């Protein structure tokens, strides 16, 4: 009886470890994820803000100083040209007969009337609304040694040697400023300014 021959032993193929394939798969997955993240970031990133647009600045409009327009009425302030007749002013201030008169600009925000303006002999009557405190504050800007009080004229009046021919009077909330110019005599100009102030104060 023949003895069966054993079949030759063929060694089994080595089993591939599952762990061996994991590093490659993990690397591939990470690369795909990184690519996707980069693509997402590039598509959703906020574009850089545009630089602010500069425009030419609009020049500020200068504020208008107080007071009325030149030669026009100022509410609450009497017309100095109407307080005395032109003939009265010409006579008292010793201005040549026939001299022209009329409203002129007032630098104090009040009203002014000029007589024979621009000539060697002239006069100006100005009225400005002011409080007593404002009147006193202006007086304090004048050196005290140059001031001469003029009692009996309004509520307060004075003149200064710095400005011959000028008299300042406070009465009923107004600063009355009388200015007389005589080319040949400061003394006569001051005397005429005071005489003119007496007449104007009686009208306030």
C-alpha atoms as a PDB file:
ATOM      1  CA  UNK A   1       0.000   0.000   0.000  1.00  0.00           C
ATOM      2  CA  UNK A   2       1.512   3.213  -1.057  1.00  0.00           C
ATOM      3  CA  UNK A   3       2.126   5.775   1.601  1.00  0.00           C
ATOM      4  CA  UNK A   4       0.703   9.190   0.684  1.00  0.00           C
ATOM      5  CA  UNK A   5       3.385  11.873   0.277  1.00  0.00           C
ATOM      6  CA  UNK A   6       2.870  14.919   2.293  1.00  0.00           C
ATOM      7  CA  UNK A   7       2.216  18.049   0.298  1.00  0.00           C
ATOM      8  CA  UNK A   8       5.026  20.556   0.304  1.00  0.00           C
ATOM      9  CA  UNK A   9       4.625  23.262   2.954  1.00  0.00           C
ATOM     10  CA  UNK A  10       4.088  26.685   1.438  1.00  0.00           C
ATOM     11  CA  UNK A  11       4.684  29.420   3.976  1.00  0.00           C
ATOM     12  CA  UNK A  12       1.748  31.819   4.389  1.00  0.00           C
ATOM     13  CA  UNK A  13       2.252  35.373   3.178  1.00  0.00           C
ATOM     14  CA  UNK A  14       3.104  37.715   5.997  1.00  0.00           C
ATOM     15  CA  UNK A  15       0.099  39.641   7.292  1.00  0.00           C
ATOM     16  CA  UNK A  16       0.291  43.346   6.735  1.00  0.00           C
ATOM     17  CA  UNK A  17      -0.060  45.261   9.886  1.00  0.00           C
ATOM     18  CA  UNK A  18      -2.903  47.776   9.938  1.00  0.00           C
ATOM     19  CA  UNK A  19      -0.707  50.123  11.871  1.00  0.00           C
ATOM     20  CA  UNK A  20       1.764  50.297   9.021  1.00  0.00           C
ATOM     21  CA  UNK A  21      -0.747  51.995   6.722  1.00  0.00           C
ATOM     22  CA  UNK A  22      -1.930  54.554   9.221  1.00  0.00           C
ATOM     23  CA  UNK A  23       0.970  57.055   9.000  1.00  0.00           C
ATOM     24  CA  UNK A  24       0.480  57.494   5.259  1.00  0.00           C
ATOM     25  CA  UNK A  25      -3.255  57.849   5.582  1.00  0.00           C
ATOM     26  CA  UNK A  26      -2.909  60.335   8.429  1.00  0.00           C
ATOM     27  CA  UNK A  27      -0.375  62.385   6.481  1.00  0.00           C
ATOM     28  CA  UNK A  28      -2.640  62.486   3.449  1.00  0.00           C
ATOM     29  CA  UNK A  29      -5.640  63.517   5.544  1.00  0.00           C
ATOM     30  CA  UNK A  30      -3.672  66.327   7.200  1.00  0.00           C
ATOM     31  CA  UNK A  31      -2.472  67.612   3.839  1.00  0.00           C
ATOM     32  CA  UNK A  32      -6.030  67.649   2.479  1.00  0.00           C
ATOM     33  CA  UNK A  33      -7.304  69.451   5.573  1.00  0.00           C
ATOM     34  CA  UNK A  34      -4.531  72.040   5.423  1.00  0.00           C
ATOM     35  CA  UNK A  35      -5.248  72.712   1.752  1.00  0.00           C
ATOM     36  CA  UNK A  36      -8.954  73.104   2.434  1.00  0.00           C
ATOM     37  CA  UNK A  37      -8.267  75.487   5.350  1.00  0.00           C
ATOM     38  CA  UNK A  38      -5.941  77.586   3.219  1.00  0.00           C
ATOM     39  CA  UNK A  39      -8.505  77.766   0.427  1.00  0.00           C
ATOM     40  CA  UNK A  40     -11.244  78.759   2.889  1.00  0.00           C
ATOM     41  CA  UNK A  41      -9.076  81.397   4.509  1.00  0.00           C
ATOM     42  CA  UNK A  42      -8.116  82.959   1.180  1.00  0.00           C
ATOM     43  CA  UNK A  43     -11.721  83.116   0.005  1.00  0.00           C
ATOM     44  CA  UNK A  44     -13.163  84.593   3.211  1.00  0.00           C
ATOM     45  CA  UNK A  45     -10.401  86.976   4.234  1.00  0.00           C
ATOM     46  CA  UNK A  46     -11.439  90.626   4.548  1.00  0.00           C
ATOM     47  CA  UNK A  47      -9.854  92.861   1.914  1.00  0.00           C
ATOM     48  CA  UNK A  48      -7.681  95.689   3.280  1.00  0.00           C
ATOM     49  CA  UNK A  49      -9.571  98.839   4.089  1.00  0.00           C
ATOM     50  CA  UNK A  50      -9.292 101.582   1.512  1.00  0.00           C
ATOM     51  CA  UNK A  51      -7.328 104.639   2.661  1.00  0.00           C
ATOM     52  CA  UNK A  52      -9.552 107.480   3.849  1.00  0.00           C
ATOM     53  CA  UNK A  53     -10.405 109.991   1.213  1.00  0.00           C
ATOM     54  CA  UNK A  54      -9.115 113.440   1.982  1.00  0.00           C
ATOM     55  CA  UNK A  55     -11.058 116.424   0.862  1.00  0.00           C
ATOM     56  CA  UNK A  56     -10.166 120.055   0.867  1.00  0.00           C
ATOM     57  CA  UNK A  57     -11.152 121.693   4.128  1.00  0.00           C
ATOM     58  CA  UNK A  58     -13.890 124.252   3.912  1.00  0.00           C
ATOM     59  CA  UNK A  59     -12.623 127.561   5.260  1.00  0.00           C
ATOM     60  CA  UNK A  60     -14.439 128.689   8.311  1.00  0.00           C
ATOM     61  CA  UNK A  61     -16.700 131.618   7.915  1.00  0.00           C
ATOM     62  CA  UNK A  62     -15.495 134.446  10.131  1.00  0.00           C
ATOM     63  CA  UNK A  63     -17.923 135.507  12.762  1.00  0.00           C
ATOM     64  CA  UNK A  64     -19.614 138.807  12.272  1.00  0.00           C
ATOM     65  CA  UNK A  65     -18.840 141.407  14.893  1.00  0.00           C
ATOM     66  CA  UNK A  66     -21.700 142.914  16.844  1.00  0.00           C
ATOM     67  CA  UNK A  67     -23.237 146.231  15.984  1.00  0.00           C
ATOM     68  CA  UNK A  68     -25.302 147.561  13.146  1.00  0.00           C
ATOM     69  CA  UNK A  69     -24.488 147.948   9.472  1.00  0.00           C
ATOM     70  CA  UNK A  70     -22.787 151.114   8.383  1.00  0.00           C
ATOM     71  CA  UNK A  71     -25.194 154.020   8.237  1.00  0.00           C
ATOM     72  CA  UNK A  72     -28.222 151.917   9.232  1.00  0.00           C
ATOM     73  CA  UNK A  73     -30.340 151.862  12.358  1.00  0.00           C
ATOM     74  CA  UNK A  74     -29.375 149.760  15.363  1.00  0.00           C
ATOM     75  CA  UNK A  75     -32.394 148.611  17.407  1.00  0.00           C
ATOM     76  CA  UNK A  76     -32.599 150.298  20.772  1.00  0.00           C
ATOM     77  CA  UNK A  77     -30.057 153.028  20.029  1.00  0.00           C
ATOM     78  CA  UNK A  78     -31.263 156.539  19.120  1.00  0.00           C
ATOM     79  CA  UNK A  79     -30.024 158.150  15.940  1.00  0.00           C
ATOM     80  CA  UNK A  80     -27.268 160.547  17.033  1.00  0.00           C
ATOM     81  CA  UNK A  81     -27.889 162.647  13.936  1.00  0.00           C
ATOM     82  CA  UNK A  82     -31.408 163.361  15.220  1.00  0.00           C
ATOM     83  CA  UNK A  83     -30.490 164.435  18.736  1.00  0.00           C
ATOM     84  CA  UNK A  84     -29.379 167.906  17.691  1.00  0.00           C
ATOM     85  CA  UNK A  85     -29.804 169.877  14.511  1.00  0.00           C
ATOM     86  CA  UNK A  86     -26.788 170.152  12.241  1.00  0.00           C
ATOM     87  CA  UNK A  87     -26.818 173.918  12.770  1.00  0.00           C
ATOM     88  CA  UNK A  88     -26.553 173.468  16.556  1.00  0.00           C
ATOM     89  CA  UNK A  89     -23.579 171.143  16.260  1.00  0.00           C
ATOM     90  CA  UNK A  90     -21.836 173.397  13.751  1.00  0.00           C
ATOM     91  CA  UNK A  91     -22.289 176.430  15.992  1.00  0.00           C
ATOM     92  CA  UNK A  92     -21.273 174.822  19.300  1.00  0.00           C
ATOM     93  CA  UNK A  93     -18.318 172.880  17.825  1.00  0.00           C
ATOM     94  CA  UNK A  94     -17.163 175.871  15.774  1.00  0.00           C
ATOM     95  CA  UNK A  95     -17.299 174.003  12.501  1.00  0.00           C
ATOM     96  CA  UNK A  96     -17.499 175.934   9.216  1.00  0.00           C
ATOM     97  CA  UNK A  97     -21.057 176.754   8.172  1.00  0.00           C
ATOM     98  CA  UNK A  98     -22.534 174.458   5.554  1.00  0.00           C
ATOM     99  CA  UNK A  99     -20.461 171.489   6.649  1.00  0.00           C
ATOM    100  CA  UNK A 100     -21.863 168.129   5.592  1.00  0.00           C
ATOM    101  CA  UNK A 101     -23.140 165.693   8.184  1.00  0.00           C
ATOM    102  CA  UNK A 102     -24.446 162.150   8.218  1.00  0.00           C
ATOM    103  CA  UNK A 103     -24.265 158.666   9.656  1.00  0.00           C
ATOM    104  CA  UNK A 104     -20.909 156.883   9.596  1.00  0.00           C
ATOM    105  CA  UNK A 105     -19.674 153.456  10.656  1.00  0.00           C
ATOM    106  CA  UNK A 106     -19.280 152.911  14.382  1.00  0.00           C
ATOM    107  CA  UNK A 107     -16.375 150.750  15.524  1.00  0.00           C
ATOM    108  CA  UNK A 108     -18.081 150.124  18.885  1.00  0.00           C
ATOM    109  CA  UNK A 109     -21.204 148.473  17.507  1.00  0.00           C
ATOM    110  CA  UNK A 110     -23.367 151.528  18.123  1.00  0.00           C
ATOM    111  CA  UNK A 111     -24.288 154.481  15.934  1.00  0.00           C
ATOM    112  CA  UNK A 112     -22.278 157.534  14.930  1.00  0.00           C
ATOM    113  CA  UNK A 113     -22.954 160.820  13.218  1.00  0.00           C
ATOM    114  CA  UNK A 114     -20.118 162.859  11.720  1.00  0.00           C
ATOM    115  CA  UNK A 115     -19.983 166.569  10.960  1.00  0.00           C
ATOM    116  CA  UNK A 116     -17.459 167.945   8.466  1.00  0.00           C
ATOM    117  CA  UNK A 117     -15.648 164.595   8.493  1.00  0.00           C
ATOM    118  CA  UNK A 118     -12.164 164.537   7.013  1.00  0.00           C
ATOM    119  CA  UNK A 119     -11.530 168.266   7.520  1.00  0.00           C
ATOM    120  CA  UNK A 120      -9.306 170.081  10.054  1.00  0.00           C
ATOM    121  CA  UNK A 121     -12.349 171.052  12.120  1.00  0.00           C
ATOM    122  CA  UNK A 122     -14.858 168.251  12.639  1.00  0.00           C
ATOM    123  CA  UNK A 123     -17.112 166.610  15.206  1.00  0.00           C
ATOM    124  CA  UNK A 124     -18.538 163.154  15.802  1.00  0.00           C
ATOM    125  CA  UNK A 125     -21.347 162.076  18.117  1.00  0.00           C
ATOM    126  CA  UNK A 126     -21.485 158.357  18.955  1.00  0.00           C
ATOM    127  CA  UNK A 127     -23.907 156.298  21.032  1.00  0.00           C
ATOM    128  CA  UNK A 128     -23.311 152.740  22.224  1.00  0.00           C
ATOM    129  CA  UNK A 129     -25.501 150.594  24.464  1.00  0.00           C
ATOM    130  CA  UNK A 130     -23.431 149.584  27.503  1.00  0.00           C
ATOM    131  CA  UNK A 131     -23.793 148.591  31.128  1.00  0.00           C
ATOM    132  CA  UNK A 132     -22.254 150.638  33.894  1.00  0.00           C
ATOM    133  CA  UNK A 133     -19.799 147.802  34.502  1.00  0.00           C
ATOM    134  CA  UNK A 134     -18.787 147.902  30.845  1.00  0.00           C
ATOM    135  CA  UNK A 135     -18.351 151.668  30.968  1.00  0.00           C
ATOM    136  CA  UNK A 136     -16.170 151.354  34.074  1.00  0.00           C
ATOM    137  CA  UNK A 137     -14.127 148.528  32.529  1.00  0.00           C
ATOM    138  CA  UNK A 138     -13.256 150.682  29.540  1.00  0.00           C
ATOM    139  CA  UNK A 139     -12.315 153.586  31.764  1.00  0.00           C
ATOM    140  CA  UNK A 140      -9.895 151.340  33.639  1.00  0.00           C
ATOM    141  CA  UNK A 141      -7.924 150.809  30.427  1.00  0.00           C
ATOM    142  CA  UNK A 142      -7.008 154.499  30.440  1.00  0.00           C
ATOM    143  CA  UNK A 143      -4.107 155.632  32.666  1.00  0.00           C
ATOM    144  CA  UNK A 144      -5.664 157.147  35.792  1.00  0.00           C
ATOM    145  CA  UNK A 145      -3.248 160.080  35.801  1.00  0.00           C
ATOM    146  CA  UNK A 146      -4.604 161.310  32.465  1.00  0.00           C
ATOM    147  CA  UNK A 147      -8.298 161.346  33.454  1.00  0.00           C
ATOM    148  CA  UNK A 148     -10.304 164.379  34.500  1.00  0.00           C
ATOM    149  CA  UNK A 149     -13.812 163.781  35.884  1.00  0.00           C
ATOM    150  CA  UNK A 150     -16.638 165.971  34.612  1.00  0.00           C
ATOM    151  CA  UNK A 151     -19.208 166.060  37.431  1.00  0.00           C
ATOM    152  CA  UNK A 152     -22.812 166.989  36.712  1.00  0.00           C
ATOM    153  CA  UNK A 153     -22.718 165.512  33.215  1.00  0.00           C
ATOM    154  CA  UNK A 154     -24.908 162.414  32.968  1.00  0.00           C
ATOM    155  CA  UNK A 155     -24.381 159.706  35.584  1.00  0.00           C
ATOM    156  CA  UNK A 156     -20.620 159.804  35.052  1.00  0.00           C
ATOM    157  CA  UNK A 157     -18.376 161.620  32.617  1.00  0.00           C
ATOM    158  CA  UNK A 158     -14.660 162.136  32.057  1.00  0.00           C
ATOM    159  CA  UNK A 159     -12.044 163.139  29.539  1.00  0.00           C
ATOM    160  CA  UNK A 160      -8.413 162.134  29.106  1.00  0.00           C
ATOM    161  CA  UNK A 161      -5.363 164.181  28.205  1.00  0.00           C
ATOM    162  CA  UNK A 162      -4.386 161.315  25.929  1.00  0.00           C
ATOM    163  CA  UNK A 163      -7.322 162.149  23.657  1.00  0.00           C
ATOM    164  CA  UNK A 164      -7.897 165.922  23.564  1.00  0.00           C
ATOM    165  CA  UNK A 165     -11.354 166.917  22.368  1.00  0.00           C
ATOM    166  CA  UNK A 166     -13.012 163.668  23.479  1.00  0.00           C
ATOM    167  CA  UNK A 167     -15.626 163.384  26.230  1.00  0.00           C
ATOM    168  CA  UNK A 168     -17.158 160.101  27.448  1.00  0.00           C
ATOM    169  CA  UNK A 169     -20.494 160.134  29.277  1.00  0.00           C
ATOM    170  CA  UNK A 170     -22.577 157.346  30.787  1.00  0.00           C
ATOM    171  CA  UNK A 171     -26.338 157.856  31.022  1.00  0.00           C
ATOM    172  CA  UNK A 172     -29.347 155.541  30.991  1.00  0.00           C
ATOM    173  CA  UNK A 173     -27.449 152.555  29.618  1.00  0.00           C
ATOM    174  CA  UNK A 174     -25.589 154.457  26.902  1.00  0.00           C
ATOM    175  CA  UNK A 175     -22.004 155.484  26.383  1.00  0.00           C
ATOM    176  CA  UNK A 176     -22.080 158.902  24.742  1.00  0.00           C
ATOM    177  CA  UNK A 177     -18.800 159.727  23.051  1.00  0.00           C
ATOM    178  CA  UNK A 178     -18.277 163.255  21.758  1.00  0.00           C
ATOM    179  CA  UNK A 179     -15.222 164.010  19.659  1.00  0.00           C
ATOM    180  CA  UNK A 180     -14.284 167.463  18.413  1.00  0.00           C
ATOM    181  CA  UNK A 181     -11.190 168.231  16.357  1.00  0.00           C
ATOM    182  CA  UNK A 182      -9.657 171.669  15.967  1.00  0.00           C
ATOM    183  CA  UNK A 183      -6.435 171.669  14.029  1.00  0.00           C
ATOM    184  CA  UNK A 184      -5.183 174.785  15.801  1.00  0.00           C
ATOM    185  CA  UNK A 185      -6.144 174.113  19.435  1.00  0.00           C
ATOM    186  CA  UNK A 186      -6.664 171.014  21.568  1.00  0.00           C
ATOM    187  CA  UNK A 187      -7.937 173.155  24.437  1.00  0.00           C
ATOM    188  CA  UNK A 188     -10.750 174.675  22.395  1.00  0.00           C
ATOM    189  CA  UNK A 189     -11.637 171.239  21.027  1.00  0.00           C
ATOM    190  CA  UNK A 190     -12.011 169.857  24.562  1.00  0.00           C
ATOM    191  CA  UNK A 191     -14.136 172.815  25.658  1.00  0.00           C
ATOM    192  CA  UNK A 192     -16.398 172.471  22.607  1.00  0.00           C
ATOM    193  CA  UNK A 193     -16.735 168.705  23.173  1.00  0.00           C
ATOM    194  CA  UNK A 194     -17.932 169.299  26.716  1.00  0.00           C
ATOM    195  CA  UNK A 195     -20.402 171.980  25.631  1.00  0.00           C
ATOM    196  CA  UNK A 196     -21.753 169.667  22.931  1.00  0.00           C
ATOM    197  CA  UNK A 197     -22.044 166.798  25.439  1.00  0.00           C
ATOM    198  CA  UNK A 198     -24.201 168.957  27.722  1.00  0.00           C
ATOM    199  CA  UNK A 199     -26.710 169.483  24.913  1.00  0.00           C
ATOM    200  CA  UNK A 200     -26.784 165.820  23.821  1.00  0.00           C
ATOM    201  CA  UNK A 201     -27.117 164.432  27.367  1.00  0.00           C
ATOM    202  CA  UNK A 202     -30.293 166.469  27.812  1.00  0.00           C
ATOM    203  CA  UNK A 203     -31.822 164.501  24.921  1.00  0.00           C
ATOM    204  CA  UNK A 204     -31.072 161.032  26.363  1.00  0.00           C
END
